[in-house]
Amino acid sequence: MKENYTYPVILEPDGNFVNIRIPAFDAVSCVEAREDPIPAAQDLLTLEIIAREDEGEPLPDAEAITPDSPGQSVAYVNIWMPYHRSKVKETYVKKTLTIPVWLDLLAKQGKINFSATLTEALKAKLSLS
């Protein structure tokens, strides 16, 4: 299995919505016009790829496309599957952590969840959230 995939996506404004179509997968979705359509396209592409991989089906080629009508645009959407798979199914690993005693005491008094805090901090550090 590959880790990176890039497919062309057709975006088409339609009133208060933006239609998203991935021709290679014959998949469609939409988002409200004020939202960024790229994350929704990434989610749709992820689900299509995971479904085909789970079924053992080959993935279609990522062929270049052109818009069908004047209001449409084409965006090439890339997904890194390890990250996007983790969004679909969270798998956790146990890690050992060393911190100063005074910080441990303050965190326990504040009833801070260490796992949640470390996860949030790592996502922020990696610009994932």
C-alpha atoms as a PDB file:
ATOM      1  CA  MET A   1       0.000   0.000   0.000  1.00  0.00           C
ATOM      2  CA  LYS A   2       1.172   3.470  -0.834  1.00  0.00           C
ATOM      3  CA  GLU A   3       1.228   6.211   1.771  1.00  0.00           C
ATOM      4  CA  ASN A   4       0.592   9.206  -0.505  1.00  0.00           C
ATOM      5  CA  TYR A   5      -2.121   9.656  -3.108  1.00  0.00           C
ATOM      6  CA  THR A   6      -2.985  12.650  -5.256  1.00  0.00           C
ATOM      7  CA  TYR A   7      -6.182  12.826  -7.301  1.00  0.00           C
ATOM      8  CA  PRO A   8      -7.846  15.637  -9.233  1.00  0.00           C
ATOM      9  CA  VAL A   9     -11.107  16.931  -7.801  1.00  0.00           C
ATOM     10  CA  ILE A  10     -13.718  19.113  -9.496  1.00  0.00           C
ATOM     11  CA  LEU A  11     -15.093  21.942  -7.338  1.00  0.00           C
ATOM     12  CA  GLU A  12     -18.255  23.732  -8.396  1.00  0.00           C
ATOM     13  CA  PRO A  13     -19.943  26.578  -6.527  1.00  0.00           C
ATOM     14  CA  ASP A  14     -23.707  26.057  -6.358  1.00  0.00           C
ATOM     15  CA  GLY A  15     -25.462  28.810  -4.413  1.00  0.00           C
ATOM     16  CA  ASN A  16     -24.723  28.311  -0.718  1.00  0.00           C
ATOM     17  CA  PHE A  17     -22.738  25.126  -1.393  1.00  0.00           C
ATOM     18  CA  VAL A  18     -19.641  23.884  -3.184  1.00  0.00           C
ATOM     19  CA  ASN A  19     -20.070  20.543  -4.931  1.00  0.00           C
ATOM     20  CA  ILE A  20     -17.086  18.201  -4.775  1.00  0.00           C
ATOM     21  CA  ARG A  21     -16.628  15.468  -7.385  1.00  0.00           C
ATOM     22  CA  ILE A  22     -13.790  12.957  -7.677  1.00  0.00           C
ATOM     23  CA  PRO A  23     -14.220  11.533 -11.194  1.00  0.00           C
ATOM     24  CA  ALA A  24     -11.669   8.718 -10.732  1.00  0.00           C
ATOM     25  CA  PHE A  25     -13.876   7.233  -8.000  1.00  0.00           C
ATOM     26  CA  ASP A  26     -17.239   8.508  -9.247  1.00  0.00           C
ATOM     27  CA  ALA A  27     -17.648  10.023  -5.776  1.00  0.00           C
ATOM     28  CA  VAL A  28     -19.502  13.207  -4.837  1.00  0.00           C
ATOM     29  CA  SER A  29     -20.015  15.356  -1.769  1.00  0.00           C
ATOM     30  CA  CYS A  30     -20.611  18.999  -0.901  1.00  0.00           C
ATOM     31  CA  VAL A  31     -19.838  21.595   1.754  1.00  0.00           C
ATOM     32  CA  GLU A  32     -21.305  24.956   2.621  1.00  0.00           C
ATOM     33  CA  ALA A  33     -19.786  27.736   0.520  1.00  0.00           C
ATOM     34  CA  ARG A  34     -18.157  29.363   3.564  1.00  0.00           C
ATOM     35  CA  GLU A  35     -16.214  26.151   4.316  1.00  0.00           C
ATOM     36  CA  ASP A  36     -12.952  25.042   2.745  1.00  0.00           C
ATOM     37  CA  PRO A  37     -13.827  22.186   0.348  1.00  0.00           C
ATOM     38  CA  ILE A  38     -10.331  20.644   0.393  1.00  0.00           C
ATOM     39  CA  PRO A  39     -10.596  18.894   3.820  1.00  0.00           C
ATOM     40  CA  ALA A  40     -13.976  17.477   2.758  1.00  0.00           C
ATOM     41  CA  ALA A  41     -12.422  16.275  -0.514  1.00  0.00           C
ATOM     42  CA  GLN A  42      -9.584  14.681   1.455  1.00  0.00           C
ATOM     43  CA  ASP A  43     -12.074  12.889   3.720  1.00  0.00           C
ATOM     44  CA  LEU A  44     -14.084  11.637   0.733  1.00  0.00           C
ATOM     45  CA  LEU A  45     -10.935  10.465  -1.037  1.00  0.00           C
ATOM     46  CA  THR A  46      -9.711   8.726   2.129  1.00  0.00           C
ATOM     47  CA  LEU A  47     -12.970   6.813   2.543  1.00  0.00           C
ATOM     48  CA  GLU A  48     -12.946   5.746  -1.117  1.00  0.00           C
ATOM     49  CA  ILE A  49      -9.334   4.530  -0.945  1.00  0.00           C
ATOM     50  CA  ILE A  50      -9.843   2.681   2.355  1.00  0.00           C
ATOM     51  CA  ALA A  51     -12.998   0.991   1.026  1.00  0.00           C
ATOM     52  CA  ARG A  52     -11.192  -0.221  -2.097  1.00  0.00           C
ATOM     53  CA  GLU A  53      -8.137  -1.366  -0.151  1.00  0.00           C
ATOM     54  CA  ASP A  54     -10.336  -3.263   2.327  1.00  0.00           C
ATOM     55  CA  GLU A  55     -12.086  -5.017  -0.577  1.00  0.00           C
ATOM     56  CA  GLY A  56      -8.789  -5.757  -2.336  1.00  0.00           C
ATOM     57  CA  GLU A  57      -9.881  -3.722  -5.358  1.00  0.00           C
ATOM     58  CA  PRO A  58      -7.335  -1.809  -7.420  1.00  0.00           C
ATOM     59  CA  LEU A  59      -7.310   1.963  -7.208  1.00  0.00           C
ATOM     60  CA  PRO A  60      -8.052   3.968 -10.338  1.00  0.00           C
ATOM     61  CA  ASP A  61      -5.335   5.954 -12.062  1.00  0.00           C
ATOM     62  CA  ALA A  62      -5.093   9.632 -11.194  1.00  0.00           C
ATOM     63  CA  GLU A  63      -5.567  11.059 -14.670  1.00  0.00           C
ATOM     64  CA  ALA A  64      -5.545  14.769 -15.442  1.00  0.00           C
ATOM     65  CA  ILE A  65      -9.010  16.259 -15.908  1.00  0.00           C
ATOM     66  CA  THR A  66     -10.500  19.518 -17.104  1.00  0.00           C
ATOM     67  CA  PRO A  67     -13.619  21.278 -15.823  1.00  0.00           C
ATOM     68  CA  ASP A  68     -16.893  20.386 -17.559  1.00  0.00           C
ATOM     69  CA  SER A  69     -18.379  23.877 -17.305  1.00  0.00           C
ATOM     70  CA  PRO A  70     -17.193  27.487 -16.805  1.00  0.00           C
ATOM     71  CA  GLY A  71     -17.973  27.708 -13.054  1.00  0.00           C
ATOM     72  CA  GLN A  72     -15.939  24.638 -12.148  1.00  0.00           C
ATOM     73  CA  SER A  73     -12.321  24.468 -11.038  1.00  0.00           C
ATOM     74  CA  VAL A  74      -9.901  21.586 -10.615  1.00  0.00           C
ATOM     75  CA  ALA A  75      -7.843  21.019  -7.485  1.00  0.00           C
ATOM     76  CA  TYR A  76      -5.296  18.273  -6.998  1.00  0.00           C
ATOM     77  CA  VAL A  77      -5.907  16.814  -3.556  1.00  0.00           C
ATOM     78  CA  ASN A  78      -3.141  14.957  -1.757  1.00  0.00           C
ATOM     79  CA  ILE A  79      -3.618  12.709   1.229  1.00  0.00           C
ATOM     80  CA  TRP A  80      -1.045  11.043   3.431  1.00  0.00           C
ATOM     81  CA  MET A  81      -2.780   7.813   4.357  1.00  0.00           C
ATOM     82  CA  PRO A  82      -1.221   7.151   7.801  1.00  0.00           C
ATOM     83  CA  TYR A  83      -2.688  10.424   9.094  1.00  0.00           C
ATOM     84  CA  HIS A  84      -6.042  10.082   7.344  1.00  0.00           C
ATOM     85  CA  ARG A  85      -6.409   6.424   8.360  1.00  0.00           C
ATOM     86  CA  SER A  86      -5.876   7.477  11.962  1.00  0.00           C
ATOM     87  CA  LYS A  87      -8.803   9.900  11.629  1.00  0.00           C
ATOM     88  CA  VAL A  88     -11.021   7.014  10.537  1.00  0.00           C
ATOM     89  CA  LYS A  89      -9.869   4.556  13.194  1.00  0.00           C
ATOM     90  CA  GLU A  90      -7.879   5.754  16.167  1.00  0.00           C
ATOM     91  CA  THR A  91      -5.278   3.293  17.373  1.00  0.00           C
ATOM     92  CA  TYR A  92      -3.409   4.178  20.529  1.00  0.00           C
ATOM     93  CA  VAL A  93       0.072   3.277  21.710  1.00  0.00           C
ATOM     94  CA  LYS A  94       1.387   3.477  25.243  1.00  0.00           C
ATOM     95  CA  LYS A  95       4.298   5.854  25.806  1.00  0.00           C
ATOM     96  CA  THR A  96       6.419   6.433  28.893  1.00  0.00           C
ATOM     97  CA  LEU A  97       6.974  10.054  29.802  1.00  0.00           C
ATOM     98  CA  THR A  98       9.376  11.822  32.128  1.00  0.00           C
ATOM     99  CA  ILE A  99       8.501  15.257  33.572  1.00  0.00           C
ATOM    100  CA  PRO A 100       9.665  17.284  36.595  1.00  0.00           C
ATOM    101  CA  VAL A 101       8.075  16.315  39.924  1.00  0.00           C
ATOM    102  CA  TRP A 102       6.694  19.826  40.541  1.00  0.00           C
ATOM    103  CA  LEU A 103       4.940  19.775  37.160  1.00  0.00           C
ATOM    104  CA  ASP A 104       3.464  16.341  37.876  1.00  0.00           C
ATOM    105  CA  LEU A 105       2.077  17.576  41.213  1.00  0.00           C
ATOM    106  CA  LEU A 106       0.513  20.681  39.671  1.00  0.00           C
ATOM    107  CA  ALA A 107      -0.993  18.687  36.805  1.00  0.00           C
ATOM    108  CA  LYS A 108      -2.510  16.135  39.191  1.00  0.00           C
ATOM    109  CA  GLN A 109      -3.955  18.918  41.346  1.00  0.00           C
ATOM    110  CA  GLY A 110      -5.449  20.456  38.205  1.00  0.00           C
ATOM    111  CA  LYS A 111      -6.877  17.041  37.215  1.00  0.00           C
ATOM    112  CA  ILE A 112      -5.150  17.279  33.839  1.00  0.00           C
ATOM    113  CA  ASN A 113      -5.401  14.265  31.555  1.00  0.00           C
ATOM    114  CA  PHE A 114      -1.795  13.594  30.518  1.00  0.00           C
ATOM    115  CA  SER A 115      -2.653  11.554  27.417  1.00  0.00           C
ATOM    116  CA  ALA A 116      -5.101  14.136  26.079  1.00  0.00           C
ATOM    117  CA  THR A 117      -2.689  16.984  26.794  1.00  0.00           C
ATOM    118  CA  LEU A 118       0.237  15.241  25.112  1.00  0.00           C
ATOM    119  CA  THR A 119      -1.914  14.361  22.083  1.00  0.00           C
ATOM    120  CA  GLU A 120      -3.091  17.980  21.744  1.00  0.00           C
ATOM    121  CA  ALA A 121       0.456  19.291  22.107  1.00  0.00           C
ATOM    122  CA  LEU A 122       1.875  16.881  19.527  1.00  0.00           C
ATOM    123  CA  LYS A 123      -0.867  17.753  17.026  1.00  0.00           C
ATOM    124  CA  ALA A 124      -0.207  21.461  17.550  1.00  0.00           C
ATOM    125  CA  LYS A 125       3.565  20.975  17.205  1.00  0.00           C
ATOM    126  CA  LEU A 126       3.007  19.055  13.944  1.00  0.00           C
ATOM    127  CA  SER A 127       0.416  21.603  12.683  1.00  0.00           C
ATOM    128  CA  LEU A 128      -2.261  18.907  12.508  1.00  0.00           C
ATOM    129  CA  SER A 129      -5.000  20.747  14.379  1.00  0.00           C
END
